[in-house]
Amino acid sequence: MNVFAIGGEIRTKELKALYNQIETAEDFTEISDKIKAGDAVIHFWESESIDDLQALLANREIHILINTLNTSLSELKVFLGTVNSNVMGFAGIPGFINRNKWEITALDDHAIINSKELFKLLKVKPIRVQDRVGMVTPRVVSMIINEAYFTVMEGTAEKADIDIAMKLGTNYPEGPFAWLDKIGIEHIYELLDALYEDTKEERYKICPLLKQEYLNSMSN
């Protein structure tokens, strides 16, 4: 089995830390003539690459993993008209890639069952979760980061103090702002925005301070 990855340098580099024999590309057209039946493609999909994604999904003979953190396979199916039974979703953002367990969504049980060789190569244990925006762990982490921003904005504590308190008081492996640095503020902002649009729950409403820092980062 050959494994290909489509997407940005940071995320493909993190993926190659799991399995260094992955061939990377900027878009599907670069590798379309190299892919054979039984191969796998991991696509760090962004909304602007919808045409690229449609071309990939036309192939029913390969294993496909798509970054569906800000959407869901069900929504993608409605948008595209179809999603093949060989397609799976995963959390394809920094901080959630180079791990020994991946949260996976699928519309068909066989997609995960038939991809045992792929997960073995990646040294990743797939854990199936509901096909929902944000999945489970990224949803929780983004909400914690958002609440931490409210705490800073209210003047209750500084970022460094919150990180220390969360690590010592709750035994978190990372404080919320350390997580933010690892994941990237743009990914947290976009995930929270998608979660709020999906649920309309106040707990996902983006803190004004987080939004301000996100906008500043985008203008630099």
Protein backbone atom coordinates (compact mmCIF):
# COMPACT_ATOMS: atom_id res chain seq x y z
CA MET A 1 0.00 0.00 0.00
CA ASN A 2 1.25 3.47 -0.95
CA VAL A 3 0.13 6.40 1.18
CA PHE A 4 -0.25 9.93 -0.17
CA ALA A 5 -0.99 13.16 1.70
CA ILE A 6 -2.44 16.37 0.28
CA GLY A 7 -2.12 19.61 2.19
CA GLY A 8 0.11 22.14 3.91
CA GLU A 9 3.71 21.55 4.95
CA ILE A 10 3.16 21.72 8.73
CA ARG A 11 0.47 19.04 8.77
CA THR A 12 2.14 16.74 6.26
CA LYS A 13 5.37 17.00 8.26
CA GLU A 14 3.53 15.96 11.42
CA LEU A 15 1.98 13.06 9.51
CA LYS A 16 5.38 11.92 8.24
CA ALA A 17 6.54 11.70 11.85
CA LEU A 18 4.15 8.74 12.08
CA TYR A 19 5.07 7.14 8.76
CA ASN A 20 7.90 8.69 6.77
CA GLN A 21 7.20 6.84 3.52
CA ILE A 22 4.29 9.13 2.65
CA GLU A 23 4.40 11.02 -0.62
CA THR A 24 3.08 14.55 -0.27
CA ALA A 25 1.44 16.87 -2.79
CA GLU A 26 -0.27 20.25 -2.93
CA ASP A 27 -3.31 18.93 -4.79
CA PHE A 28 -4.80 15.72 -6.12
CA THR A 29 -3.81 16.33 -9.74
CA GLU A 30 -0.11 15.97 -8.78
CA ILE A 31 -0.58 12.35 -7.69
CA SER A 32 -3.72 11.15 -9.50
CA ASP A 33 -1.76 9.14 -12.08
CA LYS A 34 0.36 7.46 -9.38
CA ILE A 35 -2.50 6.09 -7.28
CA LYS A 36 -3.41 2.43 -7.64
CA ALA A 37 -6.24 0.33 -6.21
CA GLY A 38 -5.69 -0.31 -2.51
CA ASP A 39 -3.59 2.83 -1.93
CA ALA A 40 -4.56 5.52 0.58
CA VAL A 41 -4.90 9.29 0.34
CA ILE A 42 -5.01 11.58 3.37
CA HIS A 43 -6.44 14.98 2.45
CA PHE A 44 -6.09 17.97 4.76
CA TRP A 45 -9.09 19.49 3.06
CA GLU A 46 -9.83 23.21 3.13
CA SER A 47 -13.04 24.72 1.76
CA GLU A 48 -11.25 26.42 -1.14
CA SER A 49 -10.13 23.05 -2.52
CA ILE A 50 -13.59 21.63 -3.18
CA ASP A 51 -12.84 20.80 -6.83
CA ASP A 52 -9.74 18.90 -5.75
CA LEU A 53 -11.80 16.98 -3.21
CA GLN A 54 -14.45 16.04 -5.75
CA ALA A 55 -11.79 14.63 -8.06
CA LEU A 56 -10.38 12.53 -5.23
CA LEU A 57 -13.76 11.18 -4.13
CA ALA A 58 -14.47 9.86 -7.60
CA ASN A 59 -12.02 7.02 -6.86
CA ARG A 60 -13.80 4.12 -5.15
CA GLU A 61 -10.82 1.76 -5.09
CA ILE A 62 -8.64 3.57 -2.54
CA HIS A 63 -8.81 4.39 1.16
CA ILE A 64 -9.58 8.07 1.77
CA LEU A 65 -9.15 10.07 4.97
CA ILE A 66 -10.42 13.66 4.90
CA ASN A 67 -9.99 16.41 7.48
CA THR A 68 -13.66 16.86 8.40
CA LEU A 69 -13.15 18.70 11.68
CA ASN A 70 -15.10 21.82 10.64
CA THR A 71 -17.84 19.91 8.86
CA SER A 72 -19.11 16.32 8.85
CA LEU A 73 -19.21 13.55 6.29
CA SER A 74 -23.01 13.81 6.30
CA GLU A 75 -22.85 17.51 5.44
CA LEU A 76 -20.20 16.82 2.84
CA LYS A 77 -22.43 14.18 1.30
CA VAL A 78 -25.28 16.67 0.95
CA PHE A 79 -22.96 19.33 -0.45
CA LEU A 80 -21.23 17.07 -2.98
CA GLY A 81 -24.19 14.84 -3.75
CA THR A 82 -22.34 11.67 -2.74
CA VAL A 83 -19.61 10.37 -0.44
CA ASN A 84 -18.32 6.90 -1.18
CA SER A 85 -18.32 4.13 1.42
CA ASN A 86 -14.49 4.09 1.42
CA VAL A 87 -14.24 7.62 2.87
CA MET A 88 -13.40 8.42 6.50
CA GLY A 89 -13.12 11.69 8.42
CA PHE A 90 -10.43 12.64 10.94
CA ALA A 91 -9.09 15.65 12.88
CA GLY A 92 -6.47 16.91 10.47
CA ILE A 93 -5.07 19.92 12.34
CA PRO A 94 -1.72 20.34 14.14
CA GLY A 95 -1.62 18.73 17.55
CA PHE A 96 -4.00 15.93 16.60
CA ILE A 97 -1.99 14.22 13.86
CA ASN A 98 1.20 12.88 15.43
CA ARG A 99 -0.67 10.75 17.98
CA ASN A 100 -1.14 7.02 18.52
CA LYS A 101 -4.94 7.30 18.54
CA TRP A 102 -7.15 9.06 15.98
CA GLU A 103 -10.82 9.87 16.25
CA ILE A 104 -12.38 8.61 13.03
CA THR A 105 -15.82 9.15 11.52
CA ALA A 106 -17.36 7.05 8.77
CA LEU A 107 -20.71 6.61 7.05
CA ASP A 108 -20.02 2.93 6.50
CA ASP A 109 -18.59 0.41 9.01
CA HIS A 110 -16.53 -1.22 6.28
CA ALA A 111 -14.51 1.96 5.65
CA ILE A 112 -12.64 1.54 8.96
CA ILE A 113 -12.61 -2.27 8.91
CA ASN A 114 -11.11 -2.35 5.42
CA SER A 115 -8.43 0.21 6.36
CA LYS A 116 -6.63 -1.90 8.96
CA GLU A 117 -3.43 -1.97 6.90
CA LEU A 118 -3.39 1.82 6.62
CA PHE A 119 -3.75 2.34 10.37
CA LYS A 120 -1.12 -0.32 10.98
CA LEU A 121 1.34 1.55 8.76
CA LEU A 122 0.58 4.81 10.55
CA LYS A 123 0.85 3.07 13.95
CA VAL A 124 -2.49 4.63 14.82
CA LYS A 125 -5.43 3.10 16.65
CA PRO A 126 -8.69 4.32 15.08
CA ILE A 127 -11.45 5.23 17.54
CA ARG A 128 -14.79 5.70 15.86
CA VAL A 129 -16.82 8.69 17.04
CA GLN A 130 -20.08 10.23 15.88
CA ASP A 131 -20.06 12.09 12.58
CA ARG A 132 -20.28 15.55 14.15
CA VAL A 133 -18.51 18.86 13.69
CA GLY A 134 -15.52 19.02 16.06
CA MET A 135 -15.62 15.30 16.87
CA VAL A 136 -14.87 14.84 20.61
CA THR A 137 -11.39 15.84 21.83
CA PRO A 138 -10.93 18.85 19.48
CA ARG A 139 -14.39 20.10 20.48
CA VAL A 140 -13.52 19.94 24.18
CA VAL A 141 -10.05 21.47 23.75
CA SER A 142 -11.37 24.38 21.66
CA MET A 143 -14.06 25.12 24.26
CA ILE A 144 -11.48 25.11 27.07
CA ILE A 145 -9.27 27.52 25.11
CA ASN A 146 -12.23 29.80 24.47
CA GLU A 147 -13.14 29.86 28.18
CA ALA A 148 -9.52 30.60 29.05
CA TYR A 149 -9.67 33.66 26.78
CA PHE A 150 -12.77 34.90 28.63
CA THR A 151 -10.83 34.54 31.90
CA VAL A 152 -7.97 36.65 30.52
CA MET A 153 -10.35 39.24 29.04
CA GLU A 154 -12.10 39.63 32.40
CA GLY A 155 -8.75 40.28 34.08
CA THR A 156 -8.99 37.25 36.36
CA ALA A 157 -5.63 35.75 35.39
CA GLU A 158 -2.79 35.97 32.89
CA LYS A 159 -2.26 33.35 30.17
CA ALA A 160 0.84 31.84 31.80
CA ASP A 161 -0.93 31.55 35.16
CA ILE A 162 -3.90 29.79 33.56
CA ASP A 163 -1.60 27.28 31.86
CA ILE A 164 0.16 26.52 35.15
CA ALA A 165 -3.13 26.24 37.05
CA MET A 166 -4.65 23.84 34.54
CA LYS A 167 -1.57 21.62 34.49
CA LEU A 168 -1.14 21.50 38.27
CA GLY A 169 -4.78 21.70 39.31
CA THR A 170 -6.40 19.39 36.76
CA ASN A 171 -3.36 17.38 35.63
CA TYR A 172 -3.84 18.48 32.02
CA PRO A 173 -0.86 17.56 29.80
CA GLU A 174 -0.97 21.09 28.36
CA GLY A 175 -2.45 24.37 29.47
CA PRO A 176 -5.05 25.95 27.13
CA PHE A 177 -2.65 28.52 25.69
CA ALA A 178 0.11 25.95 25.21
CA TRP A 179 -2.47 23.93 23.28
CA LEU A 180 -3.32 27.03 21.27
CA ASP A 181 0.33 27.56 20.30
CA LYS A 182 0.62 23.95 19.19
CA ILE A 183 -2.65 23.88 17.21
CA GLY A 184 -2.65 27.41 15.80
CA ILE A 185 -5.13 30.17 16.58
CA GLU A 186 -6.61 30.04 13.07
CA HIS A 187 -7.62 26.39 13.53
CA ILE A 188 -9.20 27.04 16.93
CA TYR A 189 -11.08 30.09 15.64
CA GLU A 190 -12.40 28.25 12.59
CA LEU A 191 -13.41 25.22 14.67
CA LEU A 192 -15.27 27.33 17.23
CA ASP A 193 -16.99 29.22 14.42
CA ALA A 194 -18.07 25.92 12.83
CA LEU A 195 -19.24 24.55 16.18
CA TYR A 196 -21.33 27.64 16.89
CA GLU A 197 -22.89 27.52 13.44
CA ASP A 198 -23.66 23.83 13.91
CA THR A 199 -25.08 23.98 17.45
CA LYS A 200 -25.91 27.65 18.19
CA GLU A 201 -24.77 26.93 21.76
CA GLU A 202 -23.38 29.88 23.71
CA ARG A 203 -20.43 27.85 25.01
CA TYR A 204 -18.96 27.91 21.49
CA LYS A 205 -19.50 31.63 20.92
CA ILE A 206 -16.04 33.05 20.25
CA CYS A 207 -14.51 35.24 22.94
CA PRO A 208 -13.92 38.79 21.59
CA LEU A 209 -10.28 38.67 22.73
CA LEU A 210 -9.69 35.41 20.85
CA LYS A 211 -11.33 36.92 17.76
CA GLN A 212 -9.16 40.04 18.03
CA GLU A 213 -5.96 37.99 18.26
CA TYR A 214 -7.08 35.82 15.36
CA LEU A 215 -7.75 38.84 13.15
CA ASN A 216 -4.41 40.36 14.12
CA SER A 217 -2.64 37.11 13.20
CA MET A 218 -4.38 37.06 9.81
CA SER A 219 -3.33 40.63 9.02
CA ASN A 220 0.35 40.12 9.86
